[in-house]
Amino acid sequence: MIIKGILKEELSNSLQARRAYERSLAALPKGCLVRKIIGGHAYYYLAFREKGRVRFAYKGKLSREDVRKHEAARRSRARYRRHLSDIKEQIRFLRKALRGQKPA
């Protein structure tokens, strides 16, 4: 059947896209940059989760360029997570359709 072949191809493409998004997410730095003002000077810390707890790693005084890089990485991470969520939902739908179930 033609439709089943198309669904299988789309599932294969979706699985490849999921792997690509997961690799891209793994390549990005973890955590979020936090700015604290101490004694009138700005110091930066990297906030991240480790074993279910929020940890802070001291980064010191950062240049504007470094701050922009961290913010760009944070936005990219959020974008990849949204795409990954969407693609996972699509994979579930395609697998149900290939099994012959009605999608919910």
N, C-alpha and C. Protein backbone atom coordinates (compact mmCIF):
# COMPACT_ATOMS: atom_id res chain seq x y z
N MET A 1 0.83 -1.18 0.00
CA MET A 1 0.00 0.00 0.00
C MET A 1 0.88 1.25 0.00
N ILE A 2 0.47 2.19 -0.79
CA ILE A 2 1.25 3.40 -0.99
C ILE A 2 1.32 4.25 0.28
N ILE A 3 0.20 4.39 0.96
CA ILE A 3 0.14 5.25 2.15
C ILE A 3 1.03 4.68 3.25
N LYS A 4 1.01 3.38 3.42
CA LYS A 4 1.84 2.76 4.45
C LYS A 4 3.32 3.00 4.16
N GLY A 5 3.71 2.93 2.89
CA GLY A 5 5.09 3.21 2.50
C GLY A 5 5.49 4.64 2.81
N ILE A 6 4.58 5.57 2.55
CA ILE A 6 4.84 6.98 2.83
C ILE A 6 4.98 7.20 4.34
N LEU A 7 4.12 6.55 5.13
CA LEU A 7 4.20 6.69 6.58
C LEU A 7 5.51 6.12 7.12
N LYS A 8 5.95 4.98 6.56
CA LYS A 8 7.22 4.39 7.00
C LYS A 8 8.39 5.31 6.68
N GLU A 9 8.35 5.91 5.50
CA GLU A 9 9.41 6.84 5.11
C GLU A 9 9.42 8.06 6.02
N GLU A 10 8.24 8.58 6.33
CA GLU A 10 8.14 9.73 7.22
C GLU A 10 8.62 9.38 8.62
N LEU A 11 8.32 8.17 9.08
CA LEU A 11 8.80 7.73 10.39
C LEU A 11 10.32 7.65 10.40
N SER A 12 10.90 7.13 9.35
CA SER A 12 12.36 7.06 9.24
C SER A 12 12.98 8.45 9.27
N ASN A 13 12.39 9.38 8.53
CA ASN A 13 12.89 10.77 8.53
C ASN A 13 12.75 11.41 9.91
N SER A 14 11.65 11.12 10.59
CA SER A 14 11.43 11.69 11.92
C SER A 14 12.43 11.13 12.92
N LEU A 15 12.74 9.85 12.82
CA LEU A 15 13.73 9.25 13.72
C LEU A 15 15.12 9.85 13.49
N GLN A 16 15.45 10.11 12.24
CA GLN A 16 16.73 10.76 11.93
C GLN A 16 16.76 12.18 12.50
N ALA A 17 15.66 12.89 12.36
CA ALA A 17 15.59 14.26 12.88
C ALA A 17 15.72 14.25 14.40
N ARG A 18 15.09 13.27 15.07
CA ARG A 18 15.19 13.19 16.53
C ARG A 18 16.64 12.98 16.96
N ARG A 19 17.35 12.08 16.27
CA ARG A 19 18.77 11.85 16.60
C ARG A 19 19.59 13.12 16.38
N ALA A 20 19.31 13.84 15.32
CA ALA A 20 20.04 15.08 15.03
C ALA A 20 19.80 16.12 16.12
N TYR A 21 18.54 16.27 16.54
CA TYR A 21 18.23 17.22 17.61
C TYR A 21 18.89 16.82 18.92
N GLU A 22 18.90 15.53 19.22
CA GLU A 22 19.53 15.07 20.46
C GLU A 22 21.04 15.32 20.43
N ARG A 23 21.67 15.11 19.27
CA ARG A 23 23.12 15.39 19.15
C ARG A 23 23.38 16.89 19.31
N SER A 24 22.53 17.70 18.71
CA SER A 24 22.71 19.15 18.81
C SER A 24 22.54 19.62 20.25
N LEU A 25 21.57 19.07 20.95
CA LEU A 25 21.37 19.42 22.36
C LEU A 25 22.57 19.01 23.21
N ALA A 26 23.12 17.84 22.95
CA ALA A 26 24.26 17.36 23.73
C ALA A 26 25.49 18.23 23.49
N ALA A 27 25.60 18.82 22.31
CA ALA A 27 26.77 19.64 21.99
C ALA A 27 26.72 21.02 22.66
N LEU A 28 25.53 21.48 23.02
CA LEU A 28 25.40 22.79 23.64
C LEU A 28 25.79 22.74 25.12
N PRO A 29 26.33 23.84 25.65
CA PRO A 29 26.69 23.86 27.07
C PRO A 29 25.44 23.81 27.94
N LYS A 30 25.55 23.16 29.07
CA LYS A 30 24.43 23.04 30.00
C LYS A 30 24.35 24.29 30.87
N GLY A 31 23.17 24.53 31.40
CA GLY A 31 23.01 25.57 32.39
C GLY A 31 22.60 26.92 31.84
N CYS A 32 22.40 27.83 32.78
CA CYS A 32 21.95 29.19 32.49
C CYS A 32 22.86 30.16 33.23
N LEU A 33 23.20 31.24 32.57
CA LEU A 33 24.08 32.24 33.16
C LEU A 33 23.29 33.14 34.11
N VAL A 34 23.82 33.31 35.33
CA VAL A 34 23.18 34.15 36.34
C VAL A 34 24.13 35.28 36.69
N ARG A 35 23.62 36.51 36.69
CA ARG A 35 24.44 37.68 37.02
C ARG A 35 24.11 38.12 38.44
N LYS A 36 25.17 38.31 39.23
CA LYS A 36 24.99 38.80 40.60
C LYS A 36 25.85 40.06 40.76
N ILE A 37 25.26 41.06 41.40
CA ILE A 37 25.98 42.30 41.67
C ILE A 37 26.52 42.23 43.09
N ILE A 38 27.83 42.25 43.22
CA ILE A 38 28.47 42.18 44.54
C ILE A 38 29.46 43.33 44.63
N GLY A 39 29.24 44.20 45.60
CA GLY A 39 30.13 45.34 45.77
C GLY A 39 30.15 46.27 44.57
N GLY A 40 29.03 46.34 43.86
CA GLY A 40 28.93 47.22 42.71
C GLY A 40 29.50 46.63 41.42
N HIS A 41 30.00 45.40 41.47
CA HIS A 41 30.56 44.75 40.28
C HIS A 41 29.71 43.55 39.90
N ALA A 42 29.62 43.29 38.61
CA ALA A 42 28.83 42.16 38.11
C ALA A 42 29.72 40.92 38.01
N TYR A 43 29.25 39.85 38.64
CA TYR A 43 29.93 38.56 38.56
C TYR A 43 28.93 37.55 38.02
N TYR A 44 29.44 36.57 37.28
CA TYR A 44 28.56 35.61 36.63
C TYR A 44 28.79 34.21 37.19
N TYR A 45 27.66 33.49 37.28
CA TYR A 45 27.67 32.11 37.73
C TYR A 45 26.88 31.29 36.71
N LEU A 46 27.27 30.05 36.54
CA LEU A 46 26.55 29.14 35.66
C LEU A 46 25.68 28.25 36.54
N ALA A 47 24.37 28.36 36.39
CA ALA A 47 23.42 27.55 37.17
C ALA A 47 23.05 26.32 36.34
N PHE A 48 23.14 25.14 36.95
CA PHE A 48 22.81 23.90 36.26
C PHE A 48 22.33 22.87 37.27
N ARG A 49 21.68 21.82 36.78
CA ARG A 49 21.19 20.75 37.65
C ARG A 49 22.19 19.61 37.66
N GLU A 50 22.39 19.09 38.88
CA GLU A 50 23.28 17.95 39.05
C GLU A 50 22.67 17.06 40.14
N LYS A 51 22.32 15.86 39.76
CA LYS A 51 21.70 14.90 40.69
C LYS A 51 20.46 15.50 41.37
N GLY A 52 19.65 16.21 40.59
CA GLY A 52 18.40 16.75 41.09
C GLY A 52 18.52 18.04 41.87
N ARG A 53 19.72 18.56 42.01
CA ARG A 53 19.92 19.80 42.76
C ARG A 53 20.47 20.88 41.83
N VAL A 54 20.15 22.12 42.13
CA VAL A 54 20.67 23.23 41.34
C VAL A 54 22.04 23.60 41.91
N ARG A 55 23.02 23.66 41.03
CA ARG A 55 24.39 24.00 41.41
C ARG A 55 24.79 25.29 40.71
N PHE A 56 25.74 26.00 41.29
CA PHE A 56 26.27 27.22 40.70
C PHE A 56 27.77 27.08 40.56
N ALA A 57 28.27 27.38 39.37
CA ALA A 57 29.71 27.37 39.12
C ALA A 57 30.14 28.80 38.84
N TYR A 58 31.12 29.27 39.56
CA TYR A 58 31.59 30.64 39.42
C TYR A 58 32.30 30.81 38.08
N LYS A 59 31.89 31.83 37.32
CA LYS A 59 32.52 32.12 36.04
C LYS A 59 33.34 33.41 36.08
N GLY A 60 33.08 34.25 37.08
CA GLY A 60 33.83 35.49 37.22
C GLY A 60 33.23 36.61 36.41
N LYS A 61 34.08 37.59 36.10
CA LYS A 61 33.66 38.72 35.27
C LYS A 61 33.77 38.27 33.82
N LEU A 62 32.67 38.38 33.09
CA LEU A 62 32.65 37.96 31.68
C LEU A 62 32.49 39.16 30.77
N SER A 63 33.04 39.03 29.58
CA SER A 63 32.87 40.09 28.59
C SER A 63 31.45 40.01 28.02
N ARG A 64 31.05 41.07 27.36
CA ARG A 64 29.71 41.10 26.75
C ARG A 64 29.59 40.00 25.70
N GLU A 65 30.68 39.73 25.00
CA GLU A 65 30.66 38.68 23.97
C GLU A 65 30.41 37.30 24.59
N ASP A 66 31.05 37.02 25.72
CA ASP A 66 30.82 35.73 26.39
C ASP A 66 29.38 35.61 26.88
N VAL A 67 28.83 36.69 27.39
CA VAL A 67 27.44 36.69 27.85
C VAL A 67 26.51 36.44 26.67
N ARG A 68 26.78 37.09 25.53
CA ARG A 68 25.96 36.88 24.33
C ARG A 68 26.02 35.43 23.87
N LYS A 69 27.20 34.82 23.93
CA LYS A 69 27.35 33.42 23.52
C LYS A 69 26.52 32.50 24.41
N HIS A 70 26.55 32.74 25.72
CA HIS A 70 25.75 31.93 26.64
C HIS A 70 24.26 32.10 26.39
N GLU A 71 23.84 33.33 26.13
CA GLU A 71 22.42 33.58 25.86
C GLU A 71 21.99 32.94 24.54
N ALA A 72 22.85 33.00 23.55
CA ALA A 72 22.53 32.36 22.26
C ALA A 72 22.42 30.84 22.43
N ALA A 73 23.30 30.26 23.24
CA ALA A 73 23.24 28.82 23.50
C ALA A 73 21.96 28.47 24.24
N ARG A 74 21.55 29.31 25.18
CA ARG A 74 20.31 29.07 25.94
C ARG A 74 19.10 29.10 25.01
N ARG A 75 19.06 30.08 24.10
CA ARG A 75 17.96 30.16 23.14
C ARG A 75 17.96 28.97 22.19
N SER A 76 19.14 28.57 21.74
CA SER A 76 19.23 27.40 20.85
C SER A 76 18.76 26.14 21.57
N ARG A 77 19.14 25.98 22.83
CA ARG A 77 18.73 24.81 23.61
C ARG A 77 17.21 24.77 23.74
N ALA A 78 16.59 25.91 24.00
CA ALA A 78 15.13 25.97 24.11
C ALA A 78 14.47 25.62 22.78
N ARG A 79 15.04 26.13 21.69
CA ARG A 79 14.48 25.85 20.36
C ARG A 79 14.60 24.36 20.04
N TYR A 80 15.76 23.76 20.30
CA TYR A 80 15.94 22.33 20.04
C TYR A 80 15.01 21.48 20.91
N ARG A 81 14.79 21.88 22.14
CA ARG A 81 13.87 21.13 23.01
C ARG A 81 12.45 21.17 22.46
N ARG A 82 12.02 22.32 21.97
CA ARG A 82 10.68 22.42 21.36
C ARG A 82 10.58 21.53 20.14
N HIS A 83 11.59 21.60 19.28
CA HIS A 83 11.59 20.76 18.08
C HIS A 83 11.60 19.27 18.45
N LEU A 84 12.37 18.93 19.45
CA LEU A 84 12.45 17.53 19.89
C LEU A 84 11.12 17.05 20.43
N SER A 85 10.44 17.89 21.18
CA SER A 85 9.12 17.54 21.70
C SER A 85 8.13 17.33 20.55
N ASP A 86 8.16 18.23 19.58
CA ASP A 86 7.26 18.10 18.42
C ASP A 86 7.55 16.83 17.63
N ILE A 87 8.82 16.52 17.42
CA ILE A 87 9.16 15.36 16.61
C ILE A 87 8.81 14.07 17.34
N LYS A 88 8.94 14.06 18.67
CA LYS A 88 8.55 12.87 19.44
C LYS A 88 7.06 12.63 19.34
N GLU A 89 6.28 13.70 19.37
CA GLU A 89 4.83 13.57 19.21
C GLU A 89 4.49 13.03 17.82
N GLN A 90 5.21 13.51 16.82
CA GLN A 90 4.99 13.04 15.45
C GLN A 90 5.35 11.56 15.32
N ILE A 91 6.42 11.13 15.97
CA ILE A 91 6.83 9.72 15.92
C ILE A 91 5.76 8.83 16.56
N ARG A 92 5.23 9.27 17.69
CA ARG A 92 4.15 8.51 18.34
C ARG A 92 2.95 8.37 17.41
N PHE A 93 2.58 9.47 16.76
CA PHE A 93 1.45 9.47 15.84
C PHE A 93 1.69 8.50 14.69
N LEU A 94 2.88 8.56 14.10
CA LEU A 94 3.19 7.70 12.96
C LEU A 94 3.21 6.23 13.35
N ARG A 95 3.75 5.93 14.51
CA ARG A 95 3.78 4.52 14.96
C ARG A 95 2.36 3.99 15.19
N LYS A 96 1.50 4.83 15.76
CA LYS A 96 0.11 4.42 15.94
C LYS A 96 -0.57 4.21 14.60
N ALA A 97 -0.31 5.11 13.66
CA ALA A 97 -0.94 5.00 12.34
C ALA A 97 -0.46 3.74 11.63
N LEU A 98 0.79 3.39 11.79
CA LEU A 98 1.32 2.18 11.13
C LEU A 98 0.78 0.89 11.77
N ARG A 99 0.43 0.96 13.07
CA ARG A 99 -0.16 -0.20 13.74
C ARG A 99 -1.65 -0.31 13.43
N GLY A 100 -2.21 0.73 12.87
CA GLY A 100 -3.63 0.69 12.53
C GLY A 100 -4.53 1.23 13.62
N GLN A 101 -3.96 1.86 14.64
CA GLN A 101 -4.78 2.43 15.70
C GLN A 101 -5.23 3.84 15.30
N LYS A 102 -6.33 4.22 15.86
CA LYS A 102 -6.79 5.59 15.65
C LYS A 102 -6.02 6.49 16.59
N PRO A 103 -5.43 7.59 16.08
CA PRO A 103 -4.73 8.52 16.98
C PRO A 103 -5.71 9.21 17.90
N ALA A 104 -5.26 9.45 19.12
CA ALA A 104 -6.12 10.07 20.13
C ALA A 104 -6.30 11.53 19.88
